[in-house]
């Protein structure tokens, strides 16, 4: 995944957990995400994002 591919509202996985992108800081390449379970915000460096096209809630199943 390229940094330019990120957009607000995108669901991503990271080493800190999955979430929805709420803000992108281009100058520091930091992605701010909202946790899917409890809506708490956390920040993740772009390098810590996991390229997973099936980033889901943990209740969902994979096919």
C-alpha atoms as a PDB file:
ATOM      1  CA  UNK A   1       0.000   0.000   0.000  1.00  0.00           C
ATOM      2  CA  UNK A   2       1.234   3.479  -0.835  1.00  0.00           C
ATOM      3  CA  UNK A   3       0.765   6.400   1.518  1.00  0.00           C
ATOM      4  CA  UNK A   4      -1.199   8.209  -1.205  1.00  0.00           C
ATOM      5  CA  UNK A   5      -3.716   5.330  -1.319  1.00  0.00           C
ATOM      6  CA  UNK A   6      -4.957   6.135   2.198  1.00  0.00           C
ATOM      7  CA  UNK A   7      -8.183   8.063   2.632  1.00  0.00           C
ATOM      8  CA  UNK A   8     -10.479   9.041   5.494  1.00  0.00           C
ATOM      9  CA  UNK A   9     -13.081   6.362   6.162  1.00  0.00           C
ATOM     10  CA  UNK A  10     -10.832   3.538   4.983  1.00  0.00           C
ATOM     11  CA  UNK A  11     -10.670   0.464   7.233  1.00  0.00           C
ATOM     12  CA  UNK A  12      -7.115  -0.624   8.004  1.00  0.00           C
ATOM     13  CA  UNK A  13      -5.337  -3.112  10.175  1.00  0.00           C
ATOM     14  CA  UNK A  14      -2.290  -2.268  12.254  1.00  0.00           C
ATOM     15  CA  UNK A  15      -0.091  -3.687  14.964  1.00  0.00           C
ATOM     16  CA  UNK A  16      -2.334  -1.812  17.446  1.00  0.00           C
ATOM     17  CA  UNK A  17      -5.557  -3.265  16.021  1.00  0.00           C
ATOM     18  CA  UNK A  18      -8.056  -2.549  13.278  1.00  0.00           C
ATOM     19  CA  UNK A  19      -9.841   0.732  12.833  1.00  0.00           C
ATOM     20  CA  UNK A  20     -11.256   3.368  10.541  1.00  0.00           C
ATOM     21  CA  UNK A  21      -8.984   6.162   9.325  1.00  0.00           C
ATOM     22  CA  UNK A  22     -10.172   9.489  10.771  1.00  0.00           C
ATOM     23  CA  UNK A  23      -7.214  11.739   9.920  1.00  0.00           C
ATOM     24  CA  UNK A  24      -3.972  11.527   7.950  1.00  0.00           C
ATOM     25  CA  UNK A  25      -0.936  13.670   8.787  1.00  0.00           C
ATOM     26  CA  UNK A  26       1.104  13.827   5.599  1.00  0.00           C
ATOM     27  CA  UNK A  27       4.032  15.679   7.163  1.00  0.00           C
ATOM     28  CA  UNK A  28       4.782  12.965   9.745  1.00  0.00           C
ATOM     29  CA  UNK A  29       3.140  10.048   7.874  1.00  0.00           C
ATOM     30  CA  UNK A  30       0.979   9.333  10.912  1.00  0.00           C
ATOM     31  CA  UNK A  31      -2.469   7.811  10.515  1.00  0.00           C
ATOM     32  CA  UNK A  32      -5.119   8.512  13.148  1.00  0.00           C
ATOM     33  CA  UNK A  33      -7.688   5.764  13.504  1.00  0.00           C
ATOM     34  CA  UNK A  34     -10.863   5.073  15.450  1.00  0.00           C
ATOM     35  CA  UNK A  35     -11.145   1.642  17.049  1.00  0.00           C
ATOM     36  CA  UNK A  36     -13.968  -0.441  15.574  1.00  0.00           C
ATOM     37  CA  UNK A  37     -15.042  -1.888  18.926  1.00  0.00           C
ATOM     38  CA  UNK A  38     -15.214   1.063  21.299  1.00  0.00           C
ATOM     39  CA  UNK A  39     -14.640   4.116  19.068  1.00  0.00           C
ATOM     40  CA  UNK A  40     -11.453   5.130  20.905  1.00  0.00           C
ATOM     41  CA  UNK A  41      -8.876   6.972  18.809  1.00  0.00           C
ATOM     42  CA  UNK A  42      -5.272   5.902  18.377  1.00  0.00           C
ATOM     43  CA  UNK A  43      -2.390   6.871  16.130  1.00  0.00           C
ATOM     44  CA  UNK A  44      -0.246   4.611  14.024  1.00  0.00           C
ATOM     45  CA  UNK A  45       2.869   5.348  11.968  1.00  0.00           C
ATOM     46  CA  UNK A  46       2.257   4.514   8.307  1.00  0.00           C
ATOM     47  CA  UNK A  47       4.952   1.814   8.458  1.00  0.00           C
ATOM     48  CA  UNK A  48       2.935  -0.080  11.125  1.00  0.00           C
ATOM     49  CA  UNK A  49      -0.154  -0.484   8.943  1.00  0.00           C
ATOM     50  CA  UNK A  50      -0.828  -4.033   7.826  1.00  0.00           C
ATOM     51  CA  UNK A  51      -1.830  -4.411   4.213  1.00  0.00           C
ATOM     52  CA  UNK A  52      -4.889  -6.613   4.592  1.00  0.00           C
ATOM     53  CA  UNK A  53      -7.765  -6.221   2.151  1.00  0.00           C
ATOM     54  CA  UNK A  54     -10.053  -8.000   4.630  1.00  0.00           C
ATOM     55  CA  UNK A  55      -9.793  -5.702   7.656  1.00  0.00           C
ATOM     56  CA  UNK A  56     -12.981  -6.518   9.542  1.00  0.00           C
ATOM     57  CA  UNK A  57     -14.465  -6.373  12.982  1.00  0.00           C
ATOM     58  CA  UNK A  58     -13.356  -9.403  14.945  1.00  0.00           C
ATOM     59  CA  UNK A  59     -16.966 -10.660  14.931  1.00  0.00           C
ATOM     60  CA  UNK A  60     -16.899 -10.985  11.135  1.00  0.00           C
ATOM     61  CA  UNK A  61     -15.731 -14.131   9.398  1.00  0.00           C
ATOM     62  CA  UNK A  62     -13.319 -14.553   6.516  1.00  0.00           C
ATOM     63  CA  UNK A  63     -14.327 -16.417   3.394  1.00  0.00           C
END
